[in-house]
Amino acid sequence: MPRTGIVATTDVAEACKDVNIAVMVGGFPRKEGMERKDVMSKNVSIYKGQASALEQYAAKDVKVNLHIQKKSFRILEH
């Protein structure tokens, strides 16, 4: 049975189980002296675990909307 609403949990498996839409918000702030590649590297490490959990637990047709700092990405295929 599909879930509706928002699930607040610290368990990544529970958070991603059977979801059809995932919205991830946040990111590492760029600090003085950092190059863009440094910031992207930090953000990749932040979202890698969530992406793996979505791949493992989310619905096969999950849609992901990822907001990092001032950039917005829509990933339409799982």
N, C-alpha and C. Protein backbone atom coordinates (compact mmCIF):
# COMPACT_ATOMS: atom_id res chain seq x y z
N MET A 1 0.85 -1.18 0.00
CA MET A 1 0.00 0.00 0.00
C MET A 1 0.89 1.24 0.00
N PRO A 2 0.67 2.18 -0.91
CA PRO A 2 1.50 3.38 -0.96
C PRO A 2 1.30 4.26 0.27
N ARG A 3 2.38 4.89 0.67
CA ARG A 3 2.30 5.83 1.79
C ARG A 3 1.99 7.22 1.25
N THR A 4 1.38 8.02 2.08
CA THR A 4 1.15 9.41 1.73
C THR A 4 1.65 10.26 2.88
N GLY A 5 1.99 11.50 2.60
CA GLY A 5 2.44 12.40 3.65
C GLY A 5 3.94 12.40 3.81
N ILE A 6 4.36 12.91 4.94
CA ILE A 6 5.77 13.06 5.25
C ILE A 6 6.13 12.10 6.37
N VAL A 7 7.26 11.43 6.23
CA VAL A 7 7.75 10.52 7.25
C VAL A 7 8.99 11.14 7.88
N ALA A 8 8.96 11.36 9.17
CA ALA A 8 10.11 11.88 9.90
C ALA A 8 10.78 10.72 10.62
N THR A 9 12.00 10.41 10.21
CA THR A 9 12.71 9.28 10.81
C THR A 9 14.20 9.46 10.61
N THR A 10 14.98 8.78 11.43
CA THR A 10 16.42 8.77 11.25
C THR A 10 16.86 7.47 10.57
N ASP A 11 15.92 6.59 10.29
CA ASP A 11 16.21 5.32 9.63
C ASP A 11 16.06 5.50 8.13
N VAL A 12 17.18 5.47 7.42
CA VAL A 12 17.17 5.75 5.99
C VAL A 12 16.34 4.71 5.22
N ALA A 13 16.33 3.46 5.65
CA ALA A 13 15.52 2.44 5.00
C ALA A 13 14.03 2.75 5.14
N GLU A 14 13.61 3.14 6.33
CA GLU A 14 12.21 3.50 6.56
C GLU A 14 11.83 4.74 5.76
N ALA A 15 12.73 5.71 5.72
CA ALA A 15 12.45 6.96 5.00
C ALA A 15 12.28 6.74 3.50
N CYS A 16 12.99 5.77 2.95
CA CYS A 16 12.98 5.56 1.51
C CYS A 16 12.06 4.44 1.04
N LYS A 17 11.52 3.67 1.96
CA LYS A 17 10.73 2.50 1.58
C LYS A 17 9.53 2.87 0.72
N ASP A 18 9.55 2.36 -0.51
CA ASP A 18 8.44 2.48 -1.46
C ASP A 18 8.06 3.90 -1.83
N VAL A 19 8.93 4.88 -1.61
CA VAL A 19 8.57 6.26 -1.97
C VAL A 19 8.54 6.43 -3.49
N ASN A 20 7.63 7.27 -3.94
CA ASN A 20 7.51 7.60 -5.36
C ASN A 20 8.14 8.95 -5.68
N ILE A 21 8.19 9.82 -4.67
CA ILE A 21 8.78 11.15 -4.84
C ILE A 21 9.69 11.41 -3.66
N ALA A 22 10.92 11.83 -3.96
CA ALA A 22 11.87 12.18 -2.90
C ALA A 22 12.36 13.60 -3.15
N VAL A 23 12.28 14.43 -2.13
CA VAL A 23 12.80 15.79 -2.20
C VAL A 23 13.91 15.90 -1.17
N MET A 24 15.11 16.18 -1.65
CA MET A 24 16.25 16.29 -0.75
C MET A 24 16.73 17.74 -0.79
N VAL A 25 16.83 18.34 0.39
CA VAL A 25 17.16 19.76 0.51
C VAL A 25 18.37 19.92 1.41
N GLY A 26 19.28 20.76 1.01
CA GLY A 26 20.43 21.04 1.86
C GLY A 26 21.71 21.08 1.06
N GLY A 27 22.79 20.95 1.76
CA GLY A 27 24.09 20.95 1.10
C GLY A 27 25.13 21.64 1.94
N PHE A 28 26.35 21.39 1.60
CA PHE A 28 27.47 21.99 2.31
C PHE A 28 27.67 23.41 1.83
N PRO A 29 27.74 24.39 2.73
CA PRO A 29 27.91 25.79 2.30
C PRO A 29 29.35 26.05 1.85
N ARG A 30 29.46 26.82 0.80
CA ARG A 30 30.79 27.20 0.30
C ARG A 30 31.42 28.16 1.29
N LYS A 31 32.64 27.84 1.69
CA LYS A 31 33.36 28.68 2.64
C LYS A 31 34.50 29.41 1.94
N GLU A 32 34.99 30.43 2.58
CA GLU A 32 36.05 31.24 2.01
C GLU A 32 37.24 30.36 1.63
N GLY A 33 37.75 30.56 0.42
CA GLY A 33 38.90 29.81 -0.06
C GLY A 33 38.56 28.49 -0.73
N MET A 34 37.29 28.10 -0.70
CA MET A 34 36.89 26.83 -1.33
C MET A 34 36.58 27.06 -2.80
N GLU A 35 36.99 26.12 -3.60
CA GLU A 35 36.62 26.14 -5.01
C GLU A 35 35.32 25.36 -5.17
N ARG A 36 34.65 25.57 -6.29
CA ARG A 36 33.37 24.87 -6.53
C ARG A 36 33.53 23.36 -6.47
N LYS A 37 34.64 22.85 -6.98
CA LYS A 37 34.85 21.40 -6.95
C LYS A 37 34.93 20.87 -5.52
N ASP A 38 35.45 21.69 -4.59
CA ASP A 38 35.51 21.29 -3.19
C ASP A 38 34.10 21.17 -2.60
N VAL A 39 33.27 22.13 -2.94
CA VAL A 39 31.88 22.13 -2.45
C VAL A 39 31.12 20.94 -3.04
N MET A 40 31.28 20.71 -4.35
CA MET A 40 30.59 19.59 -4.98
C MET A 40 31.03 18.26 -4.38
N SER A 41 32.31 18.14 -4.07
CA SER A 41 32.82 16.92 -3.45
C SER A 41 32.15 16.67 -2.10
N LYS A 42 32.01 17.72 -1.30
CA LYS A 42 31.33 17.60 0.00
C LYS A 42 29.87 17.19 -0.19
N ASN A 43 29.20 17.83 -1.16
CA ASN A 43 27.78 17.53 -1.39
C ASN A 43 27.58 16.11 -1.90
N VAL A 44 28.49 15.63 -2.73
CA VAL A 44 28.39 14.25 -3.21
C VAL A 44 28.44 13.29 -2.03
N SER A 45 29.35 13.53 -1.11
CA SER A 45 29.44 12.64 0.05
C SER A 45 28.20 12.71 0.93
N ILE A 46 27.58 13.87 1.00
CA ILE A 46 26.35 14.02 1.79
C ILE A 46 25.21 13.20 1.18
N TYR A 47 25.05 13.26 -0.13
CA TYR A 47 23.90 12.64 -0.78
C TYR A 47 24.12 11.21 -1.26
N LYS A 48 25.35 10.72 -1.20
CA LYS A 48 25.63 9.38 -1.69
C LYS A 48 24.85 8.31 -0.93
N GLY A 49 24.80 8.42 0.38
CA GLY A 49 24.05 7.45 1.19
C GLY A 49 22.57 7.47 0.90
N GLN A 50 22.01 8.67 0.75
CA GLN A 50 20.59 8.77 0.44
C GLN A 50 20.28 8.20 -0.94
N ALA A 51 21.14 8.45 -1.90
CA ALA A 51 20.93 7.92 -3.25
C ALA A 51 20.98 6.39 -3.24
N SER A 52 21.89 5.83 -2.48
CA SER A 52 21.98 4.37 -2.38
C SER A 52 20.73 3.79 -1.72
N ALA A 53 20.24 4.46 -0.70
CA ALA A 53 19.02 4.00 -0.03
C ALA A 53 17.82 4.09 -0.95
N LEU A 54 17.73 5.16 -1.73
CA LEU A 54 16.63 5.28 -2.68
C LEU A 54 16.70 4.16 -3.70
N GLU A 55 17.88 3.87 -4.18
CA GLU A 55 18.04 2.79 -5.15
C GLU A 55 17.59 1.45 -4.57
N GLN A 56 17.91 1.24 -3.31
CA GLN A 56 17.59 -0.04 -2.67
C GLN A 56 16.13 -0.15 -2.22
N TYR A 57 15.56 0.93 -1.68
CA TYR A 57 14.26 0.83 -1.01
C TYR A 57 13.10 1.53 -1.71
N ALA A 58 13.37 2.52 -2.53
CA ALA A 58 12.29 3.31 -3.14
C ALA A 58 11.60 2.54 -4.26
N ALA A 59 10.44 3.05 -4.65
CA ALA A 59 9.74 2.47 -5.80
C ALA A 59 10.64 2.58 -7.03
N LYS A 60 10.51 1.65 -7.93
CA LYS A 60 11.37 1.62 -9.11
C LYS A 60 11.19 2.85 -10.00
N ASP A 61 10.05 3.51 -9.92
CA ASP A 61 9.80 4.71 -10.74
C ASP A 61 9.92 6.00 -9.92
N VAL A 62 10.71 5.97 -8.86
CA VAL A 62 10.86 7.14 -7.98
C VAL A 62 11.35 8.36 -8.77
N LYS A 63 10.82 9.50 -8.43
CA LYS A 63 11.26 10.78 -8.97
C LYS A 63 11.98 11.52 -7.85
N VAL A 64 13.14 12.07 -8.14
CA VAL A 64 13.96 12.73 -7.13
C VAL A 64 14.15 14.18 -7.50
N ASN A 65 13.90 15.07 -6.56
CA ASN A 65 14.15 16.49 -6.73
C ASN A 65 15.19 16.87 -5.69
N LEU A 66 16.35 17.31 -6.15
CA LEU A 66 17.48 17.57 -5.28
C LEU A 66 17.81 19.06 -5.31
N HIS A 67 17.80 19.69 -4.14
CA HIS A 67 18.12 21.12 -4.02
C HIS A 67 19.39 21.26 -3.19
N ILE A 68 20.44 21.78 -3.83
CA ILE A 68 21.71 21.99 -3.14
C ILE A 68 22.06 23.46 -3.28
N GLN A 69 22.14 24.15 -2.13
CA GLN A 69 22.49 25.56 -2.14
C GLN A 69 21.63 26.30 -3.15
N LYS A 70 22.25 26.97 -4.11
CA LYS A 70 21.50 27.76 -5.09
C LYS A 70 21.25 26.99 -6.37
N LYS A 71 21.56 25.71 -6.36
CA LYS A 71 21.36 24.87 -7.55
C LYS A 71 20.18 23.95 -7.30
N SER A 72 19.45 23.64 -8.35
CA SER A 72 18.33 22.73 -8.25
C SER A 72 18.45 21.69 -9.36
N PHE A 73 18.32 20.43 -9.01
CA PHE A 73 18.44 19.35 -9.98
C PHE A 73 17.20 18.50 -9.89
N ARG A 74 16.69 18.10 -11.04
CA ARG A 74 15.60 17.13 -11.08
C ARG A 74 16.12 15.88 -11.76
N ILE A 75 16.03 14.79 -11.06
CA ILE A 75 16.46 13.51 -11.60
C ILE A 75 15.20 12.74 -11.88
N LEU A 76 14.91 12.54 -13.14
CA LEU A 76 13.61 12.00 -13.50
C LEU A 76 13.56 10.48 -13.62
N GLU A 77 14.70 9.85 -13.73
CA GLU A 77 14.69 8.40 -13.83
C GLU A 77 15.48 7.78 -12.72
N HIS A 78 15.02 6.70 -12.22
CA HIS A 78 15.67 5.97 -11.13
C HIS A 78 16.68 5.01 -11.71
